[in-house]
Amino acid sequence: YSLPDGRTVAHLCRRFLPRPEELTAV
């Protein structure tokens, strides 16, 4: 993301939770 003062900030995108029913039960 570029700030108004010209600095660039790196950050993580949003993490979406997995659907539990699609996870393999062990």
PDB file of all heavy atoms in Angstrom:
ATOM      1  N   TYR A   1       0.862  -1.171   0.000  1.00  0.00           N
ATOM      2  CA  TYR A   1       0.000   0.000   0.000  1.00  0.00           C
ATOM      3  C   TYR A   1       0.903   1.227   0.000  1.00  0.00           C
ATOM      4  O   TYR A   1       1.861   1.305   0.778  1.00  0.00           O
ATOM      5  CB  TYR A   1      -0.896  -0.003   1.250  1.00  0.00           C
ATOM      6  CG  TYR A   1      -1.776   1.213   1.366  1.00  0.00           C
ATOM      7  CD1 TYR A   1      -2.899   1.351   0.574  1.00  0.00           C
ATOM      8  CD2 TYR A   1      -1.466   2.222   2.271  1.00  0.00           C
ATOM      9  CE1 TYR A   1      -3.717   2.459   0.669  1.00  0.00           C
ATOM     10  CE2 TYR A   1      -2.278   3.341   2.368  1.00  0.00           C
ATOM     11  CZ  TYR A   1      -3.396   3.456   1.569  1.00  0.00           C
ATOM     12  OH  TYR A   1      -4.194   4.563   1.675  1.00  0.00           O
ATOM     13  N   SER A   2       0.617   2.163  -0.864  1.00  0.00           N
ATOM     14  CA  SER A   2       1.406   3.396  -0.931  1.00  0.00           C
ATOM     15  C   SER A   2       0.740   4.470  -0.085  1.00  0.00           C
ATOM     16  O   SER A   2      -0.428   4.813  -0.302  1.00  0.00           O
ATOM     17  CB  SER A   2       1.530   3.881  -2.374  1.00  0.00           C
ATOM     18  OG  SER A   2       2.236   2.932  -3.137  1.00  0.00           O
ATOM     19  N   LEU A   3       1.483   4.986   0.878  1.00  0.00           N
ATOM     20  CA  LEU A   3       0.989   6.048   1.745  1.00  0.00           C
ATOM     21  C   LEU A   3       1.067   7.395   1.032  1.00  0.00           C
ATOM     22  O   LEU A   3       1.846   7.553   0.087  1.00  0.00           O
ATOM     23  CB  LEU A   3       1.811   6.081   3.036  1.00  0.00           C
ATOM     24  CG  LEU A   3       1.741   4.805   3.887  1.00  0.00           C
ATOM     25  CD1 LEU A   3       2.766   4.872   5.012  1.00  0.00           C
ATOM     26  CD2 LEU A   3       0.344   4.631   4.457  1.00  0.00           C
ATOM     27  N   PRO A   4       0.278   8.362   1.483  1.00  0.00           N
ATOM     28  CA  PRO A   4       0.303   9.691   0.836  1.00  0.00           C
ATOM     29  C   PRO A   4       1.686  10.341   0.809  1.00  0.00           C
ATOM     30  O   PRO A   4       1.996  11.103  -0.098  1.00  0.00           O
ATOM     31  CB  PRO A   4      -0.668  10.513   1.689  1.00  0.00           C
ATOM     32  CG  PRO A   4      -1.579   9.516   2.318  1.00  0.00           C
ATOM     33  CD  PRO A   4      -0.754   8.283   2.517  1.00  0.00           C
ATOM     34  N   ASP A   5       2.532  10.012   1.805  1.00  0.00           N
ATOM     35  CA  ASP A   5       3.867  10.617   1.834  1.00  0.00           C
ATOM     36  C   ASP A   5       4.868   9.874   0.940  1.00  0.00           C
ATOM     37  O   ASP A   5       6.052  10.190   0.929  1.00  0.00           O
ATOM     38  CB  ASP A   5       4.386  10.703   3.269  1.00  0.00           C
ATOM     39  CG  ASP A   5       4.628   9.351   3.911  1.00  0.00           C
ATOM     40  OD1 ASP A   5       4.478   8.306   3.228  1.00  0.00           O
ATOM     41  OD2 ASP A   5       4.966   9.325   5.112  1.00  0.00           O
ATOM     42  N   GLY A   6       4.406   8.862   0.189  1.00  0.00           N
ATOM     43  CA  GLY A   6       5.260   8.152  -0.745  1.00  0.00           C
ATOM     44  C   GLY A   6       5.848   6.853  -0.222  1.00  0.00           C
ATOM     45  O   GLY A   6       6.411   6.077  -0.986  1.00  0.00           O
ATOM     46  N   ARG A   7       5.731   6.626   1.094  1.00  0.00           N
ATOM     47  CA  ARG A   7       6.244   5.362   1.636  1.00  0.00           C
ATOM     48  C   ARG A   7       5.342   4.212   1.197  1.00  0.00           C
ATOM     49  O   ARG A   7       4.152   4.391   1.009  1.00  0.00           O
ATOM     50  CB  ARG A   7       6.299   5.406   3.158  1.00  0.00           C
ATOM     51  CG  ARG A   7       7.353   6.353   3.708  1.00  0.00           C
ATOM     52  CD  ARG A   7       7.381   6.327   5.225  1.00  0.00           C
ATOM     53  NE  ARG A   7       6.114   6.890   5.712  1.00  0.00           N
ATOM     54  CZ  ARG A   7       5.504   6.539   6.837  1.00  0.00           C
ATOM     55  NH1 ARG A   7       6.035   5.617   7.612  1.00  0.00           N
ATOM     56  NH2 ARG A   7       4.371   7.096   7.206  1.00  0.00           N
ATOM     57  N   THR A   8       5.938   3.049   1.059  1.00  0.00           N
ATOM     58  CA  THR A   8       5.195   1.845   0.709  1.00  0.00           C
ATOM     59  C   THR A   8       5.230   0.898   1.895  1.00  0.00           C
ATOM     60  O   THR A   8       6.291   0.648   2.473  1.00  0.00           O
ATOM     61  CB  THR A   8       5.808   1.165  -0.527  1.00  0.00           C
ATOM     62  OG1 THR A   8       5.792   2.094  -1.607  1.00  0.00           O
ATOM     63  CG2 THR A   8       5.031  -0.071  -0.917  1.00  0.00           C
ATOM     64  N   VAL A   9       4.068   0.382   2.244  1.00  0.00           N
ATOM     65  CA  VAL A   9       3.948  -0.528   3.374  1.00  0.00           C
ATOM     66  C   VAL A   9       3.491  -1.888   2.853  1.00  0.00           C
ATOM     67  O   VAL A   9       2.488  -1.983   2.143  1.00  0.00           O
ATOM     68  CB  VAL A   9       2.920   0.006   4.407  1.00  0.00           C
ATOM     69  CG1 VAL A   9       2.756  -0.964   5.566  1.00  0.00           C
ATOM     70  CG2 VAL A   9       3.325   1.380   4.899  1.00  0.00           C
ATOM     71  N   ALA A  10       4.233  -2.930   3.194  1.00  0.00           N
ATOM     72  CA  ALA A  10       3.849  -4.296   2.830  1.00  0.00           C
ATOM     73  C   ALA A  10       2.973  -4.862   3.948  1.00  0.00           C
ATOM     74  O   ALA A  10       3.217  -4.605   5.132  1.00  0.00           O
ATOM     75  CB  ALA A  10       5.080  -5.157   2.640  1.00  0.00           C
ATOM     76  N   HIS A  11       1.958  -5.623   3.577  1.00  0.00           N
ATOM     77  CA  HIS A  11       1.094  -6.249   4.585  1.00  0.00           C
ATOM     78  C   HIS A  11       0.483  -7.519   4.013  1.00  0.00           C
ATOM     79  O   HIS A  11       0.505  -7.761   2.800  1.00  0.00           O
ATOM     80  CB  HIS A  11       0.002  -5.286   5.060  1.00  0.00           C
ATOM     81  CG  HIS A  11      -0.932  -4.844   3.985  1.00  0.00           C
ATOM     82  ND1 HIS A  11      -2.101  -5.527   3.702  1.00  0.00           N
ATOM     83  CD2 HIS A  11      -0.874  -3.809   3.105  1.00  0.00           C
ATOM     84  CE1 HIS A  11      -2.719  -4.911   2.701  1.00  0.00           C
ATOM     85  NE2 HIS A  11      -1.998  -3.874   2.320  1.00  0.00           N
ATOM     86  N   LEU A  12      -0.041  -8.337   4.905  1.00  0.00           N
ATOM     87  CA  LEU A  12      -0.693  -9.576   4.487  1.00  0.00           C
ATOM     88  C   LEU A  12      -2.077  -9.288   3.939  1.00  0.00           C
ATOM     89  O   LEU A  12      -2.777  -8.401   4.428  1.00  0.00           O
ATOM     90  CB  LEU A  12      -0.846 -10.528   5.678  1.00  0.00           C
ATOM     91  CG  LEU A  12       0.421 -11.142   6.235  1.00  0.00           C
ATOM     92  CD1 LEU A  12       0.114 -11.915   7.502  1.00  0.00           C
ATOM     93  CD2 LEU A  12       1.073 -12.040   5.207  1.00  0.00           C
ATOM     94  N   CYS A  13      -2.465 -10.064   2.946  1.00  0.00           N
ATOM     95  CA  CYS A  13      -3.842 -10.008   2.468  1.00  0.00           C
ATOM     96  C   CYS A  13      -4.718 -10.681   3.524  1.00  0.00           C
ATOM     97  O   CYS A  13      -4.226 -11.282   4.473  1.00  0.00           O
ATOM     98  CB  CYS A  13      -3.969 -10.756   1.138  1.00  0.00           C
ATOM     99  SG  CYS A  13      -3.070  -9.971  -0.219  1.00  0.00           S
ATOM    100  N   ARG A  14      -5.999 -10.622   3.333  1.00  0.00           N
ATOM    101  CA  ARG A  14      -6.932 -11.222   4.278  1.00  0.00           C
ATOM    102  C   ARG A  14      -6.846 -12.750   4.208  1.00  0.00           C
ATOM    103  O   ARG A  14      -6.751 -13.332   3.139  1.00  0.00           O
ATOM    104  CB  ARG A  14      -8.349 -10.772   3.931  1.00  0.00           C
ATOM    105  CG  ARG A  14      -9.379 -11.276   4.873  1.00  0.00           C
ATOM    106  CD  ARG A  14     -10.722 -10.684   4.539  1.00  0.00           C
ATOM    107  NE  ARG A  14     -11.728 -11.247   5.414  1.00  0.00           N
ATOM    108  CZ  ARG A  14     -13.003 -10.984   5.327  1.00  0.00           C
ATOM    109  NH1 ARG A  14     -13.445 -10.166   4.396  1.00  0.00           N
ATOM    110  NH2 ARG A  14     -13.855 -11.530   6.153  1.00  0.00           N
ATOM    111  N   ARG A  15      -6.889 -13.383   5.374  1.00  0.00           N
ATOM    112  CA  ARG A  15      -6.925 -14.846   5.438  1.00  0.00           C
ATOM    113  C   ARG A  15      -8.380 -15.278   5.567  1.00  0.00           C
ATOM    114  O   ARG A  15      -9.073 -14.894   6.495  1.00  0.00           O
ATOM    115  CB  ARG A  15      -6.150 -15.366   6.642  1.00  0.00           C
ATOM    116  CG  ARG A  15      -6.253 -16.878   6.800  1.00  0.00           C
ATOM    117  CD  ARG A  15      -5.500 -17.355   8.042  1.00  0.00           C
ATOM    118  NE  ARG A  15      -5.611 -18.784   8.166  1.00  0.00           N
ATOM    119  CZ  ARG A  15      -6.471 -19.409   8.982  1.00  0.00           C
ATOM    120  NH1 ARG A  15      -7.290 -18.714   9.757  1.00  0.00           N
ATOM    121  NH2 ARG A  15      -6.501 -20.718   9.035  1.00  0.00           N
ATOM    122  N   PHE A  16      -8.828 -16.075   4.620  1.00  0.00           N
ATOM    123  CA  PHE A  16     -10.182 -16.601   4.681  1.00  0.00           C
ATOM    124  C   PHE A  16     -10.142 -17.955   5.377  1.00  0.00           C
ATOM    125  O   PHE A  16      -9.270 -18.784   5.091  1.00  0.00           O
ATOM    126  CB  PHE A  16     -10.782 -16.730   3.278  1.00  0.00           C
ATOM    127  CG  PHE A  16     -11.063 -15.396   2.663  1.00  0.00           C
ATOM    128  CD1 PHE A  16     -10.147 -14.814   1.803  1.00  0.00           C
ATOM    129  CD2 PHE A  16     -12.230 -14.704   2.964  1.00  0.00           C
ATOM    130  CE1 PHE A  16     -10.385 -13.566   1.247  1.00  0.00           C
ATOM    131  CE2 PHE A  16     -12.474 -13.464   2.410  1.00  0.00           C
ATOM    132  CZ  PHE A  16     -11.555 -12.888   1.553  1.00  0.00           C
ATOM    133  N   LEU A  17     -11.060 -18.161   6.293  1.00  0.00           N
ATOM    134  CA  LEU A  17     -11.109 -19.426   7.014  1.00  0.00           C
ATOM    135  C   LEU A  17     -11.557 -20.542   6.090  1.00  0.00           C
ATOM    136  O   LEU A  17     -12.440 -20.347   5.251  1.00  0.00           O
ATOM    137  CB  LEU A  17     -12.080 -19.324   8.196  1.00  0.00           C
ATOM    138  CG  LEU A  17     -11.702 -18.323   9.272  1.00  0.00           C
ATOM    139  CD1 LEU A  17     -12.784 -18.250  10.332  1.00  0.00           C
ATOM    140  CD2 LEU A  17     -10.370 -18.691   9.894  1.00  0.00           C
ATOM    141  N   PRO A  18     -10.958 -21.717   6.254  1.00  0.00           N
ATOM    142  CA  PRO A  18     -11.401 -22.846   5.440  1.00  0.00           C
ATOM    143  C   PRO A  18     -12.773 -23.324   5.903  1.00  0.00           C
ATOM    144  O   PRO A  18     -13.176 -23.081   7.044  1.00  0.00           O
ATOM    145  CB  PRO A  18     -10.338 -23.910   5.703  1.00  0.00           C
ATOM    146  CG  PRO A  18      -9.807 -23.581   7.050  1.00  0.00           C
ATOM    147  CD  PRO A  18      -9.879 -22.081   7.160  1.00  0.00           C
ATOM    148  N   ARG A  19     -13.474 -24.002   5.031  1.00  0.00           N
ATOM    149  CA  ARG A  19     -14.763 -24.594   5.393  1.00  0.00           C
ATOM    150  C   ARG A  19     -14.454 -25.921   6.085  1.00  0.00           C
ATOM    151  O   ARG A  19     -13.865 -26.805   5.461  1.00  0.00           O
ATOM    152  CB  ARG A  19     -15.609 -24.793   4.155  1.00  0.00           C
ATOM    153  CG  ARG A  19     -16.004 -23.471   3.510  1.00  0.00           C
ATOM    154  CD  ARG A  19     -16.671 -23.687   2.184  1.00  0.00           C
ATOM    155  NE  ARG A  19     -17.648 -24.763   2.279  1.00  0.00           N
ATOM    156  CZ  ARG A  19     -18.879 -24.714   1.824  1.00  0.00           C
ATOM    157  NH1 ARG A  19     -19.284 -23.650   1.186  1.00  0.00           N
ATOM    158  NH2 ARG A  19     -19.698 -25.743   1.952  1.00  0.00           N
ATOM    159  N   PRO A  20     -14.821 -26.073   7.356  1.00  0.00           N
ATOM    160  CA  PRO A  20     -14.483 -27.295   8.088  1.00  0.00           C
ATOM    161  C   PRO A  20     -14.919 -28.573   7.386  1.00  0.00           C
ATOM    162  O   PRO A  20     -14.205 -29.574   7.418  1.00  0.00           O
ATOM    163  CB  PRO A  20     -15.214 -27.131   9.419  1.00  0.00           C
ATOM    164  CG  PRO A  20     -15.318 -25.660   9.603  1.00  0.00           C
ATOM    165  CD  PRO A  20     -15.520 -25.112   8.213  1.00  0.00           C
ATOM    166  N   GLU A  21     -16.070 -28.536   6.724  1.00  0.00           N
ATOM    167  CA  GLU A  21     -16.561 -29.750   6.054  1.00  0.00           C
ATOM    168  C   GLU A  21     -15.701 -30.143   4.862  1.00  0.00           C
ATOM    169  O   GLU A  21     -15.804 -31.257   4.354  1.00  0.00           O
ATOM    170  CB  GLU A  21     -18.027 -29.588   5.637  1.00  0.00           C
ATOM    171  CG  GLU A  21     -18.285 -28.468   4.677  1.00  0.00           C
ATOM    172  CD  GLU A  21     -18.517 -27.102   5.332  1.00  0.00           C
ATOM    173  OE1 GLU A  21     -18.316 -26.949   6.554  1.00  0.00           O
ATOM    174  OE2 GLU A  21     -18.901 -26.181   4.591  1.00  0.00           O
ATOM    175  N   GLU A  22     -14.812 -29.265   4.419  1.00  0.00           N
ATOM    176  CA  GLU A  22     -13.919 -29.581   3.313  1.00  0.00           C
ATOM    177  C   GLU A  22     -12.537 -30.037   3.783  1.00  0.00           C
ATOM    178  O   GLU A  22     -11.691 -30.388   2.970  1.00  0.00           O
ATOM    179  CB  GLU A  22     -13.785 -28.373   2.382  1.00  0.00           C
ATOM    180  CG  GLU A  22     -15.080 -28.047   1.667  1.00  0.00           C
ATOM    181  CD  GLU A  22     -14.994 -26.811   0.799  1.00  0.00           C
ATOM    182  OE1 GLU A  22     -13.930 -26.151   0.780  1.00  0.00           O
ATOM    183  OE2 GLU A  22     -16.001 -26.497   0.143  1.00  0.00           O
ATOM    184  N   LEU A  23     -12.310 -30.025   5.097  1.00  0.00           N
ATOM    185  CA  LEU A  23     -11.034 -30.481   5.651  1.00  0.00           C
ATOM    186  C   LEU A  23     -11.099 -31.985   5.896  1.00  0.00           C
ATOM    187  O   LEU A  23     -12.109 -32.505   6.375  1.00  0.00           O
ATOM    188  CB  LEU A  23     -10.733 -29.751   6.960  1.00  0.00           C
ATOM    189  CG  LEU A  23     -10.589 -28.239   6.857  1.00  0.00           C
ATOM    190  CD1 LEU A  23     -10.446 -27.624   8.241  1.00  0.00           C
ATOM    191  CD2 LEU A  23      -9.422 -27.865   5.968  1.00  0.00           C
ATOM    192  N   THR A  24     -10.046 -32.676   5.582  1.00  0.00           N
ATOM    193  CA  THR A  24     -10.000 -34.124   5.759  1.00  0.00           C
ATOM    194  C   THR A  24      -9.797 -34.470   7.231  1.00  0.00           C
ATOM    195  O   THR A  24      -8.777 -34.112   7.826  1.00  0.00           O
ATOM    196  CB  THR A  24      -8.858 -34.732   4.915  1.00  0.00           C
ATOM    197  OG1 THR A  24      -9.073 -34.386   3.548  1.00  0.00           O
ATOM    198  CG2 THR A  24      -8.813 -36.246   5.053  1.00  0.00           C
ATOM    199  N   ALA A  25     -10.779 -35.147   7.809  1.00  0.00           N
ATOM    200  CA  ALA A  25     -10.701 -35.554   9.213  1.00  0.00           C
ATOM    201  C   ALA A  25      -9.701 -36.695   9.360  1.00  0.00           C
ATOM    202  O   ALA A  25      -9.694 -37.636   8.567  1.00  0.00           O
ATOM    203  CB  ALA A  25     -12.074 -35.981   9.711  1.00  0.00           C
ATOM    204  N   VAL A  26      -8.837 -36.588  10.378  1.00  0.00           N
ATOM    205  CA  VAL A  26      -7.868 -37.647  10.649  1.00  0.00           C
ATOM    206  C   VAL A  26      -8.004 -38.161  12.078  1.00  0.00           C
ATOM    207  O   VAL A  26      -7.280 -39.061  12.486  1.00  0.00           O
ATOM    208  CB  VAL A  26      -6.413 -37.178  10.389  1.00  0.00           C
ATOM    209  CG1 VAL A  26      -6.199 -36.902   8.912  1.00  0.00           C
ATOM    210  CG2 VAL A  26      -6.055 -35.974  11.234  1.00  0.00           C
TER     211      VAL A  26
END
